[in-house]
Amino acid sequence: MKAKKGFNLRSVCGEQIIVAEGKENIDFSSIISMNESSAYLWKEIQQQDSFTEETLVKLLTAEYDVDETTAMKDVKELVRQWAEAGIIDI
């Protein structure tokens, strides 16, 4: 998987949101809000050419006090949401 180009994390009024940048990505029909851990993961994957669910689990377990089983469950849901929002390519 990989993060689509042109979707960047920004802090707006204390909220972490994904902003589509560039005229090919302009779509104001939805705003993608991120919690602390999903914002952390988004920053990390933007620095990589590609990532897997296992990559995200390793990042979560290294940064937060969470076990691998819980992290994998959360990652699967997050990847589903990101795919549905159209901000990653699977």
PDB file of N, CA and C in Angstrom:
ATOM      1  N   MET A   1       0.846  -1.170   0.000  1.00  0.00           N
ATOM      2  CA  MET A   1       0.000   0.000   0.000  1.00  0.00           C
ATOM      3  C   MET A   1       0.887   1.228   0.000  1.00  0.00           C
ATOM      4  N   LYS A   2       0.311   2.333  -0.407  1.00  0.00           N
ATOM      5  CA  LYS A   2       1.055   3.576  -0.317  1.00  0.00           C
ATOM      6  C   LYS A   2       0.105   4.747  -0.179  1.00  0.00           C
ATOM      7  N   ALA A   3       0.601   5.793   0.477  1.00  0.00           N
ATOM      8  CA  ALA A   3      -0.169   7.024   0.640  1.00  0.00           C
ATOM      9  C   ALA A   3      -0.222   7.736  -0.704  1.00  0.00           C
ATOM     10  N   LYS A   4      -1.395   8.230  -1.055  1.00  0.00           N
ATOM     11  CA  LYS A   4      -1.524   8.982  -2.300  1.00  0.00           C
ATOM     12  C   LYS A   4      -0.849  10.336  -2.141  1.00  0.00           C
ATOM     13  N   LYS A   5      -0.223  10.786  -3.195  1.00  0.00           N
ATOM     14  CA  LYS A   5       0.428  12.091  -3.203  1.00  0.00           C
ATOM     15  C   LYS A   5      -0.638  13.184  -3.129  1.00  0.00           C
ATOM     16  N   GLY A   6      -0.296  14.292  -2.506  1.00  0.00           N
ATOM     17  CA  GLY A   6      -1.186  15.434  -2.461  1.00  0.00           C
ATOM     18  C   GLY A   6      -2.104  15.483  -1.262  1.00  0.00           C
ATOM     19  N   PHE A   7      -2.042  14.472  -0.389  1.00  0.00           N
ATOM     20  CA  PHE A   7      -2.849  14.485   0.836  1.00  0.00           C
ATOM     21  C   PHE A   7      -1.909  14.669   2.007  1.00  0.00           C
ATOM     22  N   ASN A   8      -1.991  15.832   2.656  1.00  0.00           N
ATOM     23  CA  ASN A   8      -1.044  16.162   3.716  1.00  0.00           C
ATOM     24  C   ASN A   8      -1.751  16.441   5.031  1.00  0.00           C
ATOM     25  N   LEU A   9      -1.075  16.095   6.115  1.00  0.00           N
ATOM     26  CA  LEU A   9      -1.605  16.295   7.452  1.00  0.00           C
ATOM     27  C   LEU A   9      -1.350  17.729   7.880  1.00  0.00           C
ATOM     28  N   ARG A  10      -2.387  18.386   8.372  1.00  0.00           N
ATOM     29  CA  ARG A  10      -2.272  19.753   8.859  1.00  0.00           C
ATOM     30  C   ARG A  10      -2.992  19.869  10.195  1.00  0.00           C
ATOM     31  N   SER A  11      -2.520  20.776  11.025  1.00  0.00           N
ATOM     32  CA  SER A  11      -3.191  21.075  12.289  1.00  0.00           C
ATOM     33  C   SER A  11      -4.040  22.322  12.079  1.00  0.00           C
ATOM     34  N   VAL A  12      -5.355  22.179  12.268  1.00  0.00           N
ATOM     35  CA  VAL A  12      -6.283  23.288  12.093  1.00  0.00           C
ATOM     36  C   VAL A  12      -7.110  23.410  13.366  1.00  0.00           C
ATOM     37  N   CYS A  13      -6.961  24.532  14.051  1.00  0.00           N
ATOM     38  CA  CYS A  13      -7.703  24.775  15.307  1.00  0.00           C
ATOM     39  C   CYS A  13      -7.538  23.617  16.291  1.00  0.00           C
ATOM     40  N   GLY A  14      -6.343  23.095  16.394  1.00  0.00           N
ATOM     41  CA  GLY A  14      -6.057  22.021  17.330  1.00  0.00           C
ATOM     42  C   GLY A  14      -6.458  20.633  16.873  1.00  0.00           C
ATOM     43  N   GLU A  15      -7.027  20.521  15.683  1.00  0.00           N
ATOM     44  CA  GLU A  15      -7.419  19.225  15.118  1.00  0.00           C
ATOM     45  C   GLU A  15      -6.435  18.821  14.033  1.00  0.00           C
ATOM     46  N   GLN A  16      -6.128  17.530  13.963  1.00  0.00           N
ATOM     47  CA  GLN A  16      -5.277  16.997  12.899  1.00  0.00           C
ATOM     48  C   GLN A  16      -6.189  16.552  11.758  1.00  0.00           C
ATOM     49  N   ILE A  17      -6.022  17.151  10.576  1.00  0.00           N
ATOM     50  CA  ILE A  17      -6.857  16.786   9.432  1.00  0.00           C
ATOM     51  C   ILE A  17      -5.988  16.547   8.203  1.00  0.00           C
ATOM     52  N   ILE A  18      -6.507  15.739   7.296  1.00  0.00           N
ATOM     53  CA  ILE A  18      -5.851  15.526   6.013  1.00  0.00           C
ATOM     54  C   ILE A  18      -6.412  16.551   5.042  1.00  0.00           C
ATOM     55  N   VAL A  19      -5.512  17.261   4.390  1.00  0.00           N
ATOM     56  CA  VAL A  19      -5.883  18.283   3.430  1.00  0.00           C
ATOM     57  C   VAL A  19      -5.409  17.844   2.050  1.00  0.00           C
ATOM     58  N   ALA A  20      -6.317  17.900   1.090  1.00  0.00           N
ATOM     59  CA  ALA A  20      -5.954  17.588  -0.291  1.00  0.00           C
ATOM     60  C   ALA A  20      -5.327  18.833  -0.908  1.00  0.00           C
ATOM     61  N   GLU A  21      -4.118  18.673  -1.432  1.00  0.00           N
ATOM     62  CA  GLU A  21      -3.426  19.801  -2.041  1.00  0.00           C
ATOM     63  C   GLU A  21      -3.183  19.506  -3.510  1.00  0.00           C
ATOM     64  N   GLY A  22      -3.297  20.513  -4.321  1.00  0.00           N
ATOM     65  CA  GLY A  22      -3.147  20.343  -5.760  1.00  0.00           C
ATOM     66  C   GLY A  22      -4.510  20.282  -6.425  1.00  0.00           C
ATOM     67  N   LYS A  23      -4.624  20.865  -7.607  1.00  0.00           N
ATOM     68  CA  LYS A  23      -5.940  20.976  -8.244  1.00  0.00           C
ATOM     69  C   LYS A  23      -6.570  19.637  -8.581  1.00  0.00           C
ATOM     70  N   GLU A  24      -5.768  18.582  -8.794  1.00  0.00           N
ATOM     71  CA  GLU A  24      -6.340  17.273  -9.102  1.00  0.00           C
ATOM     72  C   GLU A  24      -6.976  16.617  -7.880  1.00  0.00           C
ATOM     73  N   ASN A  25      -6.670  17.117  -6.691  1.00  0.00           N
ATOM     74  CA  ASN A  25      -7.197  16.519  -5.464  1.00  0.00           C
ATOM     75  C   ASN A  25      -8.284  17.349  -4.790  1.00  0.00           C
ATOM     76  N   ILE A  26      -8.680  18.449  -5.403  1.00  0.00           N
ATOM     77  CA  ILE A  26      -9.659  19.311  -4.748  1.00  0.00           C
ATOM     78  C   ILE A  26     -11.018  18.643  -4.707  1.00  0.00           C
ATOM     79  N   ASP A  27     -11.487  18.417  -3.503  1.00  0.00           N
ATOM     80  CA  ASP A  27     -12.815  17.854  -3.260  1.00  0.00           C
ATOM     81  C   ASP A  27     -13.200  18.271  -1.845  1.00  0.00           C
ATOM     82  N   PHE A  28     -14.087  19.228  -1.749  1.00  0.00           N
ATOM     83  CA  PHE A  28     -14.451  19.754  -0.448  1.00  0.00           C
ATOM     84  C   PHE A  28     -15.645  19.035   0.167  1.00  0.00           C
ATOM     85  N   SER A  29     -16.004  17.871  -0.351  1.00  0.00           N
ATOM     86  CA  SER A  29     -17.173  17.162   0.154  1.00  0.00           C
ATOM     87  C   SER A  29     -16.914  16.462   1.483  1.00  0.00           C
ATOM     88  N   SER A  30     -15.646  16.277   1.845  1.00  0.00           N
ATOM     89  CA  SER A  30     -15.366  15.647   3.132  1.00  0.00           C
ATOM     90  C   SER A  30     -14.031  16.116   3.682  1.00  0.00           C
ATOM     91  N   ILE A  31     -13.942  16.099   4.999  1.00  0.00           N
ATOM     92  CA  ILE A  31     -12.703  16.412   5.703  1.00  0.00           C
ATOM     93  C   ILE A  31     -12.320  15.151   6.464  1.00  0.00           C
ATOM     94  N   ILE A  32     -11.065  14.798   6.405  1.00  0.00           N
ATOM     95  CA  ILE A  32     -10.597  13.590   7.068  1.00  0.00           C
ATOM     96  C   ILE A  32      -9.883  13.994   8.348  1.00  0.00           C
ATOM     97  N   SER A  33     -10.522  13.726   9.468  1.00  0.00           N
ATOM     98  CA  SER A  33      -9.974  14.072  10.774  1.00  0.00           C
ATOM     99  C   SER A  33      -9.192  12.885  11.318  1.00  0.00           C
ATOM    100  N   MET A  34      -8.077  13.174  11.960  1.00  0.00           N
ATOM    101  CA  MET A  34      -7.215  12.122  12.500  1.00  0.00           C
ATOM    102  C   MET A  34      -7.061  12.283  14.010  1.00  0.00           C
ATOM    103  N   ASN A  35      -7.075  11.155  14.719  1.00  0.00           N
ATOM    104  CA  ASN A  35      -6.716  11.223  16.132  1.00  0.00           C
ATOM    105  C   ASN A  35      -5.189  11.181  16.232  1.00  0.00           C
ATOM    106  N   GLU A  36      -4.667  11.231  17.441  1.00  0.00           N
ATOM    107  CA  GLU A  36      -3.218  11.312  17.637  1.00  0.00           C
ATOM    108  C   GLU A  36      -2.468  10.148  16.987  1.00  0.00           C
ATOM    109  N   SER A  37      -2.953   8.924  17.201  1.00  0.00           N
ATOM    110  CA  SER A  37      -2.225   7.760  16.687  1.00  0.00           C
ATOM    111  C   SER A  37      -2.339   7.642  15.163  1.00  0.00           C
ATOM    112  N   SER A  38      -3.497   7.943  14.598  1.00  0.00           N
ATOM    113  CA  SER A  38      -3.615   7.866  13.134  1.00  0.00           C
ATOM    114  C   SER A  38      -2.802   8.977  12.473  1.00  0.00           C
ATOM    115  N   ALA A  39      -2.732  10.154  13.102  1.00  0.00           N
ATOM    116  CA  ALA A  39      -1.898  11.239  12.572  1.00  0.00           C
ATOM    117  C   ALA A  39      -0.421  10.833  12.608  1.00  0.00           C
ATOM    118  N   TYR A  40      -0.010  10.181  13.695  1.00  0.00           N
ATOM    119  CA  TYR A  40       1.365   9.687  13.808  1.00  0.00           C
ATOM    120  C   TYR A  40       1.667   8.705  12.669  1.00  0.00           C
ATOM    121  N   LEU A  41       0.753   7.758  12.446  1.00  0.00           N
ATOM    122  CA  LEU A  41       0.965   6.770  11.384  1.00  0.00           C
ATOM    123  C   LEU A  41       1.012   7.435  10.015  1.00  0.00           C
ATOM    124  N   TRP A  42       0.141   8.404   9.773  1.00  0.00           N
ATOM    125  CA  TRP A  42       0.125   9.090   8.479  1.00  0.00           C
ATOM    126  C   TRP A  42       1.459   9.793   8.221  1.00  0.00           C
ATOM    127  N   LYS A  43       1.981  10.486   9.237  1.00  0.00           N
ATOM    128  CA  LYS A  43       3.290  11.151   9.091  1.00  0.00           C
ATOM    129  C   LYS A  43       4.371  10.134   8.736  1.00  0.00           C
ATOM    130  N   GLU A  44       4.340   8.992   9.406  1.00  0.00           N
ATOM    131  CA  GLU A  44       5.354   7.964   9.180  1.00  0.00           C
ATOM    132  C   GLU A  44       5.261   7.360   7.773  1.00  0.00           C
ATOM    133  N   ILE A  45       4.060   7.061   7.296  1.00  0.00           N
ATOM    134  CA  ILE A  45       3.960   6.404   5.983  1.00  0.00           C
ATOM    135  C   ILE A  45       4.233   7.362   4.835  1.00  0.00           C
ATOM    136  N   GLN A  46       4.070   8.649   5.066  1.00  0.00           N
ATOM    137  CA  GLN A  46       4.377   9.602   4.002  1.00  0.00           C
ATOM    138  C   GLN A  46       5.873   9.635   3.702  1.00  0.00           C
ATOM    139  N   GLN A  47       6.674   9.145   4.625  1.00  0.00           N
ATOM    140  CA  GLN A  47       8.125   9.103   4.435  1.00  0.00           C
ATOM    141  C   GLN A  47       8.582   7.809   3.768  1.00  0.00           C
ATOM    142  N   GLN A  48       7.633   6.906   3.481  1.00  0.00           N
ATOM    143  CA  GLN A  48       7.976   5.598   2.921  1.00  0.00           C
ATOM    144  C   GLN A  48       7.383   5.447   1.519  1.00  0.00           C
ATOM    145  N   ASP A  49       8.051   4.642   0.696  1.00  0.00           N
ATOM    146  CA  ASP A  49       7.533   4.361  -0.642  1.00  0.00           C
ATOM    147  C   ASP A  49       6.272   3.515  -0.582  1.00  0.00           C
ATOM    148  N   SER A  50       6.220   2.579   0.367  1.00  0.00           N
ATOM    149  CA  SER A  50       5.043   1.732   0.545  1.00  0.00           C
ATOM    150  C   SER A  50       5.022   1.236   1.986  1.00  0.00           C
ATOM    151  N   PHE A  51       3.884   0.666   2.376  1.00  0.00           N
ATOM    152  CA  PHE A  51       3.755   0.143   3.722  1.00  0.00           C
ATOM    153  C   PHE A  51       2.781  -1.030   3.713  1.00  0.00           C
ATOM    154  N   THR A  52       2.829  -1.806   4.776  1.00  0.00           N
ATOM    155  CA  THR A  52       1.901  -2.927   4.960  1.00  0.00           C
ATOM    156  C   THR A  52       1.189  -2.734   6.291  1.00  0.00           C
ATOM    157  N   GLU A  53       0.180  -3.552   6.528  1.00  0.00           N
ATOM    158  CA  GLU A  53      -0.478  -3.517   7.831  1.00  0.00           C
ATOM    159  C   GLU A  53       0.527  -3.852   8.932  1.00  0.00           C
ATOM    160  N   GLU A  54       1.427  -4.764   8.660  1.00  0.00           N
ATOM    161  CA  GLU A  54       2.441  -5.153   9.646  1.00  0.00           C
ATOM    162  C   GLU A  54       3.359  -3.975   9.977  1.00  0.00           C
ATOM    163  N   THR A  55       3.674  -3.155   8.967  1.00  0.00           N
ATOM    164  CA  THR A  55       4.485  -1.955   9.198  1.00  0.00           C
ATOM    165  C   THR A  55       3.777  -1.041  10.183  1.00  0.00           C
ATOM    166  N   LEU A  56       2.478  -0.831   9.975  1.00  0.00           N
ATOM    167  CA  LEU A  56       1.703   0.045  10.851  1.00  0.00           C
ATOM    168  C   LEU A  56       1.623  -0.519  12.267  1.00  0.00           C
ATOM    169  N   VAL A  57       1.477  -1.834  12.387  1.00  0.00           N
ATOM    170  CA  VAL A  57       1.440  -2.473  13.708  1.00  0.00           C
ATOM    171  C   VAL A  57       2.758  -2.247  14.439  1.00  0.00           C
ATOM    172  N   LYS A  58       3.874  -2.429  13.742  1.00  0.00           N
ATOM    173  CA  LYS A  58       5.189  -2.217  14.367  1.00  0.00           C
ATOM    174  C   LYS A  58       5.351  -0.773  14.837  1.00  0.00           C
ATOM    175  N   LEU A  59       4.893   0.167  14.008  1.00  0.00           N
ATOM    176  CA  LEU A  59       4.974   1.580  14.387  1.00  0.00           C
ATOM    177  C   LEU A  59       4.126   1.849  15.631  1.00  0.00           C
ATOM    178  N   LEU A  60       2.918   1.315  15.654  1.00  0.00           N
ATOM    179  CA  LEU A  60       2.027   1.532  16.811  1.00  0.00           C
ATOM    180  C   LEU A  60       2.587   0.935  18.088  1.00  0.00           C
ATOM    181  N   THR A  61       3.060  -0.308  18.014  1.00  0.00           N
ATOM    182  CA  THR A  61       3.553  -0.969  19.226  1.00  0.00           C
ATOM    183  C   THR A  61       4.852  -0.346  19.732  1.00  0.00           C
ATOM    184  N   ALA A  62       5.631   0.245  18.833  1.00  0.00           N
ATOM    185  CA  ALA A  62       6.866   0.916  19.244  1.00  0.00           C
ATOM    186  C   ALA A  62       6.573   2.273  19.905  1.00  0.00           C
ATOM    187  N   GLU A  63       5.533   2.937  19.458  1.00  0.00           N
ATOM    188  CA  GLU A  63       5.228   4.298  19.929  1.00  0.00           C
ATOM    189  C   GLU A  63       4.244   4.329  21.099  1.00  0.00           C
ATOM    190  N   TYR A  64       3.323   3.373  21.135  1.00  0.00           N
ATOM    191  CA  TYR A  64       2.255   3.373  22.141  1.00  0.00           C
ATOM    192  C   TYR A  64       2.265   2.074  22.948  1.00  0.00           C
ATOM    193  N   ASP A  65       1.678   2.124  24.099  1.00  0.00           N
ATOM    194  CA  ASP A  65       1.574   0.948  24.960  1.00  0.00           C
ATOM    195  C   ASP A  65       0.355   0.131  24.518  1.00  0.00           C
ATOM    196  N   VAL A  66       0.541  -0.651  23.468  1.00  0.00           N
ATOM    197  CA  VAL A  66      -0.543  -1.459  22.898  1.00  0.00           C
ATOM    198  C   VAL A  66       0.040  -2.797  22.450  1.00  0.00           C
ATOM    199  N   ASP A  67      -0.730  -3.863  22.639  1.00  0.00           N
ATOM    200  CA  ASP A  67      -0.247  -5.180  22.215  1.00  0.00           C
ATOM    201  C   ASP A  67      -0.499  -5.363  20.711  1.00  0.00           C
ATOM    202  N   GLU A  68       0.175  -6.333  20.113  1.00  0.00           N
ATOM    203  CA  GLU A  68       0.093  -6.550  18.662  1.00  0.00           C
ATOM    204  C   GLU A  68      -1.308  -6.923  18.194  1.00  0.00           C
ATOM    205  N   THR A  69      -2.033  -7.701  18.972  1.00  0.00           N
ATOM    206  CA  THR A  69      -3.381  -8.116  18.578  1.00  0.00           C
ATOM    207  C   THR A  69      -4.315  -6.916  18.483  1.00  0.00           C
ATOM    208  N   THR A  70      -4.285  -6.070  19.487  1.00  0.00           N
ATOM    209  CA  THR A  70      -5.111  -4.862  19.485  1.00  0.00           C
ATOM    210  C   THR A  70      -4.670  -3.915  18.375  1.00  0.00           C
ATOM    211  N   ALA A  71      -3.358  -3.758  18.220  1.00  0.00           N
ATOM    212  CA  ALA A  71      -2.835  -2.880  17.174  1.00  0.00           C
ATOM    213  C   ALA A  71      -3.274  -3.358  15.794  1.00  0.00           C
ATOM    214  N   MET A  72      -3.233  -4.656  15.532  1.00  0.00           N
ATOM    215  CA  MET A  72      -3.631  -5.188  14.223  1.00  0.00           C
ATOM    216  C   MET A  72      -5.119  -4.935  13.976  1.00  0.00           C
ATOM    217  N   LYS A  73      -5.930  -5.129  14.979  1.00  0.00           N
ATOM    218  CA  LYS A  73      -7.368  -4.868  14.842  1.00  0.00           C
ATOM    219  C   LYS A  73      -7.600  -3.402  14.470  1.00  0.00           C
ATOM    220  N   ASP A  74      -6.926  -2.498  15.173  1.00  0.00           N
ATOM    221  CA  ASP A  74      -7.067  -1.070  14.906  1.00  0.00           C
ATOM    222  C   ASP A  74      -6.520  -0.700  13.530  1.00  0.00           C
ATOM    223  N   VAL A  75      -5.407  -1.293  13.155  1.00  0.00           N
ATOM    224  CA  VAL A  75      -4.793  -1.013  11.855  1.00  0.00           C
ATOM    225  C   VAL A  75      -5.714  -1.450  10.713  1.00  0.00           C
ATOM    226  N   LYS A  76      -6.312  -2.616  10.821  1.00  0.00           N
ATOM    227  CA  LYS A  76      -7.219  -3.090   9.767  1.00  0.00           C
ATOM    228  C   LYS A  76      -8.375  -2.114   9.565  1.00  0.00           C
ATOM    229  N   GLU A  77      -8.926  -1.597  10.656  1.00  0.00           N
ATOM    230  CA  GLU A  77     -10.020  -0.628  10.562  1.00  0.00           C
ATOM    231  C   GLU A  77      -9.523   0.692   9.974  1.00  0.00           C
ATOM    232  N   LEU A  78      -8.345   1.130  10.386  1.00  0.00           N
ATOM    233  CA  LEU A  78      -7.782   2.377   9.878  1.00  0.00           C
ATOM    234  C   LEU A  78      -7.506   2.286   8.378  1.00  0.00           C
ATOM    235  N   VAL A  79      -6.917   1.190   7.941  1.00  0.00           N
ATOM    236  CA  VAL A  79      -6.635   0.994   6.514  1.00  0.00           C
ATOM    237  C   VAL A  79      -7.936   0.986   5.715  1.00  0.00           C
ATOM    238  N   ARG A  80      -8.966   0.355   6.253  1.00  0.00           N
ATOM    239  CA  ARG A  80     -10.269   0.352   5.586  1.00  0.00           C
ATOM    240  C   ARG A  80     -10.796   1.783   5.433  1.00  0.00           C
ATOM    241  N   GLN A  81     -10.694   2.566   6.500  1.00  0.00           N
ATOM    242  CA  GLN A  81     -11.169   3.949   6.460  1.00  0.00           C
ATOM    243  C   GLN A  81     -10.358   4.789   5.480  1.00  0.00           C
ATOM    244  N   TRP A  82      -9.047   4.626   5.491  1.00  0.00           N
ATOM    245  CA  TRP A  82      -8.192   5.380   4.573  1.00  0.00           C
ATOM    246  C   TRP A  82      -8.493   5.013   3.115  1.00  0.00           C
ATOM    247  N   ALA A  83      -8.693   3.726   2.857  1.00  0.00           N
ATOM    248  CA  ALA A  83      -9.015   3.277   1.494  1.00  0.00           C
ATOM    249  C   ALA A  83     -10.364   3.851   1.062  1.00  0.00           C
ATOM    250  N   GLU A  84     -11.337   3.793   1.957  1.00  0.00           N
ATOM    251  CA  GLU A  84     -12.668   4.318   1.653  1.00  0.00           C
ATOM    252  C   GLU A  84     -12.618   5.824   1.380  1.00  0.00           C
ATOM    253  N   ALA A  85     -11.767   6.528   2.107  1.00  0.00           N
ATOM    254  CA  ALA A  85     -11.604   7.971   1.916  1.00  0.00           C
ATOM    255  C   ALA A  85     -10.801   8.297   0.655  1.00  0.00           C
ATOM    256  N   GLY A  86     -10.121   7.295   0.104  1.00  0.00           N
ATOM    257  CA  GLY A  86      -9.366   7.495  -1.123  1.00  0.00           C
ATOM    258  C   GLY A  86      -8.009   8.143  -0.940  1.00  0.00           C
ATOM    259  N   ILE A  87      -7.424   8.004   0.262  1.00  0.00           N
ATOM    260  CA  ILE A  87      -6.138   8.647   0.494  1.00  0.00           C
ATOM    261  C   ILE A  87      -4.961   7.682   0.433  1.00  0.00           C
ATOM    262  N   ILE A  88      -5.255   6.392   0.220  1.00  0.00           N
ATOM    263  CA  ILE A  88      -4.181   5.415   0.013  1.00  0.00           C
ATOM    264  C   ILE A  88      -4.523   4.549  -1.201  1.00  0.00           C
ATOM    265  N   ASP A  89      -3.479   4.013  -1.796  1.00  0.00           N
ATOM    266  CA  ASP A  89      -3.632   3.009  -2.854  1.00  0.00           C
ATOM    267  C   ASP A  89      -3.298   1.658  -2.259  1.00  0.00           C
ATOM    268  N   ILE A  90      -4.168   0.687  -2.510  1.00  0.00           N
ATOM    269  CA  ILE A  90      -3.917  -0.665  -1.979  1.00  0.00           C
ATOM    270  C   ILE A  90      -3.382  -1.542  -3.096  1.00  0.00           C
TER     271      ILE A  90
END
